[in-house]
Amino acid sequence: MAGAHMPQARINKHKADWRGWKFMWPFAVVFIFVFIIPICYAIYISFFKKQMIGGTKFVGLENYQRLLVDQQFWSSVGRVAIFTIFQVPVMLFLAAAMALALDSMKLHGTKFFRISTFLPYAVPAVVSTLIWGFVYGAKYGLVGSFNSFFGTHIDVLSSDVLLAAIANINTWEFTGY
């Protein structure tokens, strides 16, 4: 049997190439209908102006020209940039410190700390909103209690401090993720 040739299974090369793509189609269909089509539609309607009488009117790039000279837009971009520049490194540092502490084997109660690190991410948004509403509440919340105890009036929901309050909530929720 030394000279016998074993028959090899013949694989249709074209069929083998498409086998993996069949598993991707359900995701691709959902992705196209949920993300791609709405984004394309939003870009399309951004070239129109809605009028009270007469429906919509094509204005081309006029909306984008107005956007580029709008002071509120640039103020918003600045706030997002400041938020990102300061909040993301703080969150990454805290996440790395927690990961190193959990990995060091010197921390007692590791399971408790793992759960408490990930728990804020698992809390539903509605519950999280209620919790932070009570914490930041001016009259009955934790901040209100500190204000009355120390005789101060710090409004954490004022426009001066609101960005830091939102960064605090964001850090609390997503550091463990």
Protein backbone atom coordinates (compact mmCIF):
# COMPACT_ATOMS: atom_id res chain seq x y z
CA MET A 1 0.00 0.00 0.00
CA ALA A 2 3.03 2.19 -0.17
CA GLY A 3 2.16 3.42 -3.60
CA ALA A 4 -1.56 3.84 -2.97
CA HIS A 5 -2.90 7.35 -3.19
CA MET A 6 -5.45 8.34 -0.55
CA PRO A 7 -8.32 10.36 -2.01
CA GLN A 8 -8.58 13.83 -0.52
CA ALA A 9 -11.88 15.43 0.24
CA ARG A 10 -12.60 17.98 -2.39
CA ILE A 11 -13.56 21.33 -0.85
CA ASN A 12 -15.33 23.87 -2.94
CA LYS A 13 -13.02 26.87 -2.47
CA HIS A 14 -15.79 29.36 -3.26
CA LYS A 15 -18.15 27.79 -0.70
CA ALA A 16 -15.45 27.68 2.00
CA ASP A 17 -14.72 31.38 1.54
CA TRP A 18 -18.35 32.36 2.10
CA ARG A 19 -19.01 30.03 5.05
CA GLY A 20 -17.74 32.51 7.67
CA TRP A 21 -19.54 35.45 6.09
CA LYS A 22 -22.92 33.74 6.60
CA PHE A 23 -22.52 34.19 10.36
CA MET A 24 -21.86 37.89 9.91
CA TRP A 25 -25.02 38.70 7.93
CA PRO A 26 -27.45 39.03 10.87
CA PHE A 27 -25.12 41.53 12.56
CA ALA A 28 -24.53 43.38 9.29
CA VAL A 29 -28.26 43.75 8.63
CA VAL A 30 -28.95 45.09 12.13
CA PHE A 31 -25.89 47.37 11.95
CA ILE A 32 -26.98 48.80 8.60
CA PHE A 33 -30.57 49.44 9.72
CA VAL A 34 -29.75 50.73 13.21
CA PHE A 35 -26.59 52.77 12.52
CA ILE A 36 -25.73 53.32 8.86
CA ILE A 37 -29.17 54.24 7.49
CA PRO A 38 -30.03 56.67 10.35
CA ILE A 39 -26.63 58.39 10.02
CA CYS A 40 -27.05 58.73 6.26
CA TYR A 41 -30.59 60.05 6.74
CA ALA A 42 -29.39 62.57 9.34
CA ILE A 43 -26.74 63.81 6.92
CA TYR A 44 -29.36 64.03 4.18
CA ILE A 45 -31.84 66.08 6.24
CA SER A 46 -29.04 68.36 7.44
CA PHE A 47 -29.06 69.92 3.98
CA PHE A 48 -32.67 71.06 4.42
CA LYS A 49 -34.40 73.72 6.49
CA LYS A 50 -37.82 73.06 7.98
CA GLN A 51 -40.29 75.88 7.45
CA MET A 52 -43.60 76.44 9.21
CA ILE A 53 -45.35 76.89 5.89
CA GLY A 54 -44.21 75.06 2.81
CA GLY A 55 -42.50 72.04 4.35
CA THR A 56 -38.76 71.78 3.90
CA LYS A 57 -36.44 73.78 1.72
CA PHE A 58 -33.06 72.66 0.40
CA VAL A 59 -30.36 74.99 1.77
CA GLY A 60 -27.19 73.04 0.94
CA LEU A 61 -24.28 73.81 3.27
CA GLU A 62 -25.99 76.82 4.87
CA ASN A 63 -26.74 74.89 8.08
CA TYR A 64 -23.08 73.92 8.40
CA GLN A 65 -21.94 77.49 7.71
CA ARG A 66 -24.23 78.71 10.50
CA LEU A 67 -22.92 75.99 12.79
CA LEU A 68 -19.28 76.98 12.28
CA VAL A 69 -19.93 80.58 13.35
CA ASP A 70 -22.30 79.72 16.22
CA GLN A 71 -20.72 80.64 19.56
CA GLN A 72 -22.86 78.13 21.47
CA PHE A 73 -21.54 75.29 19.30
CA TRP A 74 -17.91 76.19 19.97
CA SER A 75 -18.64 76.62 23.67
CA SER A 76 -20.11 73.11 23.71
CA VAL A 77 -17.10 71.70 21.86
CA GLY A 78 -14.85 73.36 24.44
CA ARG A 79 -16.80 71.88 27.35
CA VAL A 80 -16.61 68.40 25.83
CA ALA A 81 -12.86 68.82 25.24
CA ILE A 82 -12.27 69.96 28.84
CA PHE A 83 -14.40 67.08 30.13
CA THR A 84 -12.44 64.58 28.05
CA ILE A 85 -8.99 65.97 28.83
CA PHE A 86 -9.54 65.91 32.59
CA GLN A 87 -12.04 63.14 33.25
CA VAL A 88 -10.66 60.33 31.09
CA PRO A 89 -7.13 60.31 32.63
CA VAL A 90 -8.63 60.40 36.14
CA MET A 91 -10.89 57.47 35.31
CA LEU A 92 -8.04 55.50 33.71
CA PHE A 93 -5.76 56.14 36.70
CA LEU A 94 -8.44 55.01 39.16
CA ALA A 95 -9.22 51.92 37.06
CA ALA A 96 -5.53 50.98 36.89
CA ALA A 97 -5.11 51.54 40.63
CA MET A 98 -8.14 49.36 41.40
CA ALA A 99 -6.93 46.64 39.02
CA LEU A 100 -3.47 46.64 40.60
CA ALA A 101 -4.96 46.55 44.09
CA LEU A 102 -7.21 43.62 43.19
CA ASP A 103 -4.34 41.80 41.48
CA SER A 104 -1.79 42.34 44.26
CA MET A 105 -3.10 39.48 46.43
CA LYS A 106 -2.50 41.64 49.52
CA LEU A 107 -6.03 43.01 49.50
CA HIS A 108 -8.41 41.18 51.82
CA GLY A 109 -11.99 40.75 50.66
CA THR A 110 -11.07 40.64 46.97
CA LYS A 111 -14.48 39.31 45.90
CA PHE A 112 -16.26 42.16 47.68
CA PHE A 113 -14.02 44.76 46.02
CA ARG A 114 -14.45 43.17 42.59
CA ILE A 115 -18.22 43.29 42.94
CA SER A 116 -18.22 46.83 44.34
CA THR A 117 -15.95 47.98 41.51
CA PHE A 118 -18.24 46.64 38.80
CA LEU A 119 -21.56 47.28 40.58
CA PRO A 120 -21.97 50.94 39.53
CA TYR A 121 -21.87 49.85 35.88
CA ALA A 122 -24.54 47.22 36.56
CA VAL A 123 -26.92 49.69 38.24
CA PRO A 124 -29.67 50.74 35.81
CA ALA A 125 -29.56 54.36 34.65
CA VAL A 126 -32.89 55.23 36.30
CA VAL A 127 -31.71 53.97 39.69
CA SER A 128 -28.38 55.75 39.25
CA THR A 129 -30.20 58.98 38.44
CA LEU A 130 -32.29 58.69 41.59
CA ILE A 131 -29.22 57.94 43.72
CA TRP A 132 -27.29 60.94 42.41
CA GLY A 133 -30.40 63.10 42.67
CA PHE A 134 -30.52 62.31 46.38
CA VAL A 135 -26.76 62.83 46.81
CA TYR A 136 -26.74 66.19 45.02
CA GLY A 137 -30.09 67.35 46.41
CA ALA A 138 -29.83 70.87 47.84
CA LYS A 139 -32.44 70.37 50.54
CA TYR A 140 -32.39 66.72 51.65
CA GLY A 141 -29.34 65.27 49.90
CA LEU A 142 -25.83 64.62 51.08
CA VAL A 143 -24.59 67.91 49.64
CA GLY A 144 -27.50 69.73 51.30
CA SER A 145 -26.58 68.14 54.63
CA PHE A 146 -22.97 69.27 54.27
CA ASN A 147 -24.13 72.75 53.34
CA SER A 148 -26.33 73.05 56.42
CA PHE A 149 -23.70 71.49 58.72
CA PHE A 150 -20.88 73.79 57.58
CA GLY A 151 -23.11 76.81 56.95
CA THR A 152 -22.19 77.06 53.27
CA HIS A 153 -24.26 77.13 50.13
CA ILE A 154 -22.58 75.17 47.34
CA ASP A 155 -24.97 74.43 44.52
CA VAL A 156 -23.42 71.48 42.67
CA LEU A 157 -26.06 71.77 39.98
CA SER A 158 -25.15 75.35 39.07
CA SER A 159 -23.56 76.00 35.69
CA ASP A 160 -20.17 76.68 37.31
CA VAL A 161 -19.87 73.27 38.99
CA LEU A 162 -22.17 71.10 36.89
CA LEU A 163 -19.42 69.75 34.61
CA ALA A 164 -17.45 68.49 37.63
CA ALA A 165 -20.60 66.89 39.05
CA ILE A 166 -21.24 65.08 35.76
CA ALA A 167 -17.59 63.98 35.63
CA ASN A 168 -17.96 62.61 39.15
CA ILE A 169 -21.03 60.58 38.16
CA ASN A 170 -19.34 59.36 34.98
CA THR A 171 -16.21 58.33 36.88
CA TRP A 172 -18.27 56.50 39.50
CA GLU A 173 -20.24 54.59 36.89
CA PHE A 174 -17.59 53.64 34.33
CA THR A 175 -14.30 53.25 36.25
CA GLY A 176 -15.00 49.60 37.03
CA TYR A 177 -15.94 48.81 33.46
